[in-house]
């Protein structure tokens, strides 16, 4: 009888007939549906599930708004937070503050001509706080503030995507 040092393999559950091979990530009870065409990232879903932040409801609502702006938007974890991109990254959460949620709008990690020239972007509601000529900050206090600023944010995001 031949002996081996290999451990026996663990039994695996068999797939049921008609069940999908790839399962979608589970959503928290009461979580809003993902916008049609948006690409949810399992890494972002897991990040948000484990996130301990007093403004988590606002963060989840903002994520849904961003993903709903365009079906070309994808998400991932970059710079230790959910970040959004099309061809380049353009928005990243800053989750360090506990009393508010910050969303940084930028034009990716590489310096571009816009860093010196700046962007022409309409902001009739004063939503944006410019940090540089090509980078700004949008701040929300809570879920109600997110909903109050939703239309302005969607408009700004659509305009911002033209620069990407």
C-alpha atoms as a PDB file:
ATOM      1  CA  UNK A   1       0.000   0.000   0.000  1.00  0.00           C
ATOM      2  CA  UNK A   2       1.389   3.358  -1.043  1.00  0.00           C
ATOM      3  CA  UNK A   3       1.330   6.171   1.483  1.00  0.00           C
ATOM      4  CA  UNK A   4       1.187   9.832   0.557  1.00  0.00           C
ATOM      5  CA  UNK A   5       1.567  13.003   2.564  1.00  0.00           C
ATOM      6  CA  UNK A   6      -1.215  14.724   0.635  1.00  0.00           C
ATOM      7  CA  UNK A   7      -4.327  15.634   2.551  1.00  0.00           C
ATOM      8  CA  UNK A   8      -7.561  14.259   1.213  1.00  0.00           C
ATOM      9  CA  UNK A   9      -9.533  16.814  -0.731  1.00  0.00           C
ATOM     10  CA  UNK A  10     -12.614  18.283   0.893  1.00  0.00           C
ATOM     11  CA  UNK A  11     -15.934  17.363  -0.642  1.00  0.00           C
ATOM     12  CA  UNK A  12     -17.522  20.143  -2.669  1.00  0.00           C
ATOM     13  CA  UNK A  13     -21.183  20.920  -2.952  1.00  0.00           C
ATOM     14  CA  UNK A  14     -22.628  19.855  -6.256  1.00  0.00           C
ATOM     15  CA  UNK A  15     -24.343  22.483  -8.335  1.00  0.00           C
ATOM     16  CA  UNK A  16     -28.061  22.007  -8.610  1.00  0.00           C
ATOM     17  CA  UNK A  17     -29.640  21.764 -12.031  1.00  0.00           C
ATOM     18  CA  UNK A  18     -30.422  25.156 -13.443  1.00  0.00           C
ATOM     19  CA  UNK A  19     -28.423  27.006 -10.794  1.00  0.00           C
ATOM     20  CA  UNK A  20     -25.997  29.625 -12.049  1.00  0.00           C
ATOM     21  CA  UNK A  21     -22.350  28.715 -11.756  1.00  0.00           C
ATOM     22  CA  UNK A  22     -21.403  32.252 -10.791  1.00  0.00           C
ATOM     23  CA  UNK A  23     -23.405  33.690  -7.964  1.00  0.00           C
ATOM     24  CA  UNK A  24     -24.044  37.382  -7.608  1.00  0.00           C
ATOM     25  CA  UNK A  25     -22.936  38.994  -4.341  1.00  0.00           C
ATOM     26  CA  UNK A  26     -25.623  39.123  -1.675  1.00  0.00           C
ATOM     27  CA  UNK A  27     -27.129  42.476  -0.892  1.00  0.00           C
ATOM     28  CA  UNK A  28     -27.918  43.653   2.586  1.00  0.00           C
ATOM     29  CA  UNK A  29     -31.618  43.525   3.432  1.00  0.00           C
ATOM     30  CA  UNK A  30     -33.284  46.715   2.238  1.00  0.00           C
ATOM     31  CA  UNK A  31     -30.306  47.698   0.052  1.00  0.00           C
ATOM     32  CA  UNK A  32     -31.292  49.492  -3.152  1.00  0.00           C
ATOM     33  CA  UNK A  33     -31.017  47.586  -6.398  1.00  0.00           C
ATOM     34  CA  UNK A  34     -28.026  48.151  -8.629  1.00  0.00           C
ATOM     35  CA  UNK A  35     -28.846  50.465 -11.542  1.00  0.00           C
ATOM     36  CA  UNK A  36     -29.399  48.721 -14.877  1.00  0.00           C
ATOM     37  CA  UNK A  37     -26.141  48.235 -16.777  1.00  0.00           C
ATOM     38  CA  UNK A  38     -23.933  49.090 -13.792  1.00  0.00           C
ATOM     39  CA  UNK A  39     -21.082  46.787 -12.939  1.00  0.00           C
ATOM     40  CA  UNK A  40     -20.982  45.936  -9.253  1.00  0.00           C
ATOM     41  CA  UNK A  41     -17.640  44.850  -7.949  1.00  0.00           C
ATOM     42  CA  UNK A  42     -17.625  41.945  -5.469  1.00  0.00           C
ATOM     43  CA  UNK A  43     -14.680  43.674  -3.753  1.00  0.00           C
ATOM     44  CA  UNK A  44     -16.722  46.848  -3.232  1.00  0.00           C
ATOM     45  CA  UNK A  45     -19.747  44.859  -2.040  1.00  0.00           C
ATOM     46  CA  UNK A  46     -17.529  43.086   0.513  1.00  0.00           C
ATOM     47  CA  UNK A  47     -15.847  46.363   1.526  1.00  0.00           C
ATOM     48  CA  UNK A  48     -19.212  48.029   2.175  1.00  0.00           C
ATOM     49  CA  UNK A  49     -20.561  44.994   4.025  1.00  0.00           C
ATOM     50  CA  UNK A  50     -17.635  45.203   6.463  1.00  0.00           C
ATOM     51  CA  UNK A  51     -17.523  49.010   6.623  1.00  0.00           C
ATOM     52  CA  UNK A  52     -18.128  50.461  10.070  1.00  0.00           C
ATOM     53  CA  UNK A  53     -18.969  54.108   9.376  1.00  0.00           C
ATOM     54  CA  UNK A  54     -21.715  56.221  10.959  1.00  0.00           C
ATOM     55  CA  UNK A  55     -22.689  57.582   7.503  1.00  0.00           C
ATOM     56  CA  UNK A  56     -22.828  54.179   5.782  1.00  0.00           C
ATOM     57  CA  UNK A  57     -26.394  54.787   4.547  1.00  0.00           C
ATOM     58  CA  UNK A  58     -25.240  57.940   2.735  1.00  0.00           C
ATOM     59  CA  UNK A  59     -22.216  56.120   1.288  1.00  0.00           C
ATOM     60  CA  UNK A  60     -24.409  53.343  -0.131  1.00  0.00           C
ATOM     61  CA  UNK A  61     -26.864  55.894  -1.574  1.00  0.00           C
ATOM     62  CA  UNK A  62     -24.025  57.870  -3.206  1.00  0.00           C
ATOM     63  CA  UNK A  63     -22.608  54.695  -4.726  1.00  0.00           C
ATOM     64  CA  UNK A  64     -25.969  53.917  -6.322  1.00  0.00           C
ATOM     65  CA  UNK A  65     -26.253  57.453  -7.707  1.00  0.00           C
ATOM     66  CA  UNK A  66     -22.757  57.300  -9.215  1.00  0.00           C
ATOM     67  CA  UNK A  67     -23.327  53.877 -10.789  1.00  0.00           C
ATOM     68  CA  UNK A  68     -26.643  55.109 -12.169  1.00  0.00           C
ATOM     69  CA  UNK A  69     -25.121  58.033 -14.084  1.00  0.00           C
ATOM     70  CA  UNK A  70     -23.759  55.839 -16.886  1.00  0.00           C
ATOM     71  CA  UNK A  71     -23.619  52.121 -17.707  1.00  0.00           C
ATOM     72  CA  UNK A  72     -19.938  52.646 -18.598  1.00  0.00           C
ATOM     73  CA  UNK A  73     -19.033  53.302 -14.952  1.00  0.00           C
ATOM     74  CA  UNK A  74     -17.172  50.556 -13.113  1.00  0.00           C
ATOM     75  CA  UNK A  75     -16.156  50.410  -9.470  1.00  0.00           C
ATOM     76  CA  UNK A  76     -13.246  48.969  -7.542  1.00  0.00           C
ATOM     77  CA  UNK A  77     -11.307  49.502  -4.354  1.00  0.00           C
ATOM     78  CA  UNK A  78      -8.475  51.939  -4.977  1.00  0.00           C
ATOM     79  CA  UNK A  79      -6.736  54.207  -2.492  1.00  0.00           C
ATOM     80  CA  UNK A  80      -8.407  52.187   0.318  1.00  0.00           C
ATOM     81  CA  UNK A  81     -11.949  53.187  -0.662  1.00  0.00           C
ATOM     82  CA  UNK A  82     -14.547  52.613  -3.372  1.00  0.00           C
ATOM     83  CA  UNK A  83     -13.406  54.339  -6.551  1.00  0.00           C
ATOM     84  CA  UNK A  84     -15.211  54.773  -9.862  1.00  0.00           C
ATOM     85  CA  UNK A  85     -13.916  54.812 -13.419  1.00  0.00           C
ATOM     86  CA  UNK A  86     -14.733  54.615 -17.077  1.00  0.00           C
ATOM     87  CA  UNK A  87     -11.465  54.752 -19.041  1.00  0.00           C
ATOM     88  CA  UNK A  88      -9.827  56.551 -16.081  1.00  0.00           C
ATOM     89  CA  UNK A  89     -10.701  56.863 -12.422  1.00  0.00           C
ATOM     90  CA  UNK A  90     -12.796  59.964 -11.820  1.00  0.00           C
ATOM     91  CA  UNK A  91     -14.302  59.703  -8.331  1.00  0.00           C
ATOM     92  CA  UNK A  92     -13.121  58.223  -5.054  1.00  0.00           C
ATOM     93  CA  UNK A  93     -14.670  58.215  -1.598  1.00  0.00           C
ATOM     94  CA  UNK A  94     -12.729  59.780   1.262  1.00  0.00           C
ATOM     95  CA  UNK A  95     -14.107  57.978   4.314  1.00  0.00           C
ATOM     96  CA  UNK A  96     -11.763  59.249   7.015  1.00  0.00           C
ATOM     97  CA  UNK A  97     -14.193  61.768   8.518  1.00  0.00           C
ATOM     98  CA  UNK A  98     -16.882  60.212  10.706  1.00  0.00           C
ATOM     99  CA  UNK A  99     -19.307  63.158  10.657  1.00  0.00           C
ATOM    100  CA  UNK A 100     -19.617  63.469   6.851  1.00  0.00           C
ATOM    101  CA  UNK A 101     -18.992  61.700   3.557  1.00  0.00           C
ATOM    102  CA  UNK A 102     -16.587  63.152   1.033  1.00  0.00           C
ATOM    103  CA  UNK A 103     -16.413  62.331  -2.639  1.00  0.00           C
ATOM    104  CA  UNK A 104     -13.294  63.466  -4.477  1.00  0.00           C
ATOM    105  CA  UNK A 105     -13.708  64.132  -8.197  1.00  0.00           C
ATOM    106  CA  UNK A 106     -10.438  63.855 -10.105  1.00  0.00           C
ATOM    107  CA  UNK A 107      -9.054  62.911 -13.506  1.00  0.00           C
ATOM    108  CA  UNK A 108      -7.125  59.792 -12.589  1.00  0.00           C
ATOM    109  CA  UNK A 109      -3.750  59.236 -11.010  1.00  0.00           C
ATOM    110  CA  UNK A 110      -1.617  60.712 -13.801  1.00  0.00           C
ATOM    111  CA  UNK A 111      -1.084  64.459 -14.194  1.00  0.00           C
ATOM    112  CA  UNK A 112      -2.742  65.859 -17.305  1.00  0.00           C
ATOM    113  CA  UNK A 113      -2.822  69.217 -19.092  1.00  0.00           C
ATOM    114  CA  UNK A 114      -5.943  70.100 -17.131  1.00  0.00           C
ATOM    115  CA  UNK A 115      -3.829  70.319 -13.958  1.00  0.00           C
ATOM    116  CA  UNK A 116      -2.429  73.627 -15.260  1.00  0.00           C
ATOM    117  CA  UNK A 117      -5.351  74.832 -17.398  1.00  0.00           C
ATOM    118  CA  UNK A 118      -8.226  73.765 -15.185  1.00  0.00           C
ATOM    119  CA  UNK A 119     -11.692  72.521 -16.082  1.00  0.00           C
ATOM    120  CA  UNK A 120     -14.711  74.422 -17.286  1.00  0.00           C
ATOM    121  CA  UNK A 121     -17.579  72.947 -15.352  1.00  0.00           C
ATOM    122  CA  UNK A 122     -20.955  74.454 -14.498  1.00  0.00           C
ATOM    123  CA  UNK A 123     -21.806  74.284 -10.797  1.00  0.00           C
ATOM    124  CA  UNK A 124     -24.879  76.490 -10.315  1.00  0.00           C
ATOM    125  CA  UNK A 125     -25.678  75.044  -6.871  1.00  0.00           C
ATOM    126  CA  UNK A 126     -22.176  75.490  -5.425  1.00  0.00           C
ATOM    127  CA  UNK A 127     -21.797  71.766  -4.807  1.00  0.00           C
ATOM    128  CA  UNK A 128     -18.061  71.659  -5.565  1.00  0.00           C
ATOM    129  CA  UNK A 129     -15.156  72.723  -3.366  1.00  0.00           C
ATOM    130  CA  UNK A 130     -12.156  73.057  -5.674  1.00  0.00           C
ATOM    131  CA  UNK A 131      -8.938  71.583  -4.263  1.00  0.00           C
ATOM    132  CA  UNK A 132      -6.909  72.184  -7.428  1.00  0.00           C
ATOM    133  CA  UNK A 133      -7.668  73.179 -11.021  1.00  0.00           C
ATOM    134  CA  UNK A 134      -8.594  69.591 -11.879  1.00  0.00           C
ATOM    135  CA  UNK A 135      -9.747  68.159  -8.544  1.00  0.00           C
ATOM    136  CA  UNK A 136     -12.676  68.958  -6.300  1.00  0.00           C
ATOM    137  CA  UNK A 137     -14.535  67.735  -3.278  1.00  0.00           C
ATOM    138  CA  UNK A 138     -18.241  67.150  -2.703  1.00  0.00           C
ATOM    139  CA  UNK A 139     -19.327  66.805   0.924  1.00  0.00           C
ATOM    140  CA  UNK A 140     -22.514  65.260   2.292  1.00  0.00           C
ATOM    141  CA  UNK A 141     -23.662  65.277   5.903  1.00  0.00           C
ATOM    142  CA  UNK A 142     -26.110  62.362   5.754  1.00  0.00           C
ATOM    143  CA  UNK A 143     -28.582  60.440   3.597  1.00  0.00           C
ATOM    144  CA  UNK A 144     -31.063  63.344   3.483  1.00  0.00           C
ATOM    145  CA  UNK A 145     -28.316  65.663   2.246  1.00  0.00           C
ATOM    146  CA  UNK A 146     -27.429  63.128  -0.466  1.00  0.00           C
ATOM    147  CA  UNK A 147     -31.036  63.058  -1.694  1.00  0.00           C
ATOM    148  CA  UNK A 148     -31.320  66.863  -1.563  1.00  0.00           C
ATOM    149  CA  UNK A 149     -28.187  67.226  -3.731  1.00  0.00           C
ATOM    150  CA  UNK A 150     -28.878  64.234  -5.985  1.00  0.00           C
ATOM    151  CA  UNK A 151     -29.911  66.121  -9.160  1.00  0.00           C
ATOM    152  CA  UNK A 152     -26.986  68.547  -8.876  1.00  0.00           C
ATOM    153  CA  UNK A 153     -24.534  65.682  -8.299  1.00  0.00           C
ATOM    154  CA  UNK A 154     -25.821  63.702 -11.286  1.00  0.00           C
ATOM    155  CA  UNK A 155     -25.468  66.791 -13.483  1.00  0.00           C
ATOM    156  CA  UNK A 156     -21.914  67.456 -12.255  1.00  0.00           C
ATOM    157  CA  UNK A 157     -20.914  63.813 -12.728  1.00  0.00           C
ATOM    158  CA  UNK A 158     -22.213  63.734 -16.321  1.00  0.00           C
ATOM    159  CA  UNK A 159     -20.233  66.900 -17.076  1.00  0.00           C
ATOM    160  CA  UNK A 160     -17.161  65.524 -15.292  1.00  0.00           C
ATOM    161  CA  UNK A 161     -17.216  62.350 -17.380  1.00  0.00           C
ATOM    162  CA  UNK A 162     -16.777  64.442 -20.553  1.00  0.00           C
ATOM    163  CA  UNK A 163     -13.273  65.302 -19.321  1.00  0.00           C
ATOM    164  CA  UNK A 164     -12.250  61.667 -18.886  1.00  0.00           C
END
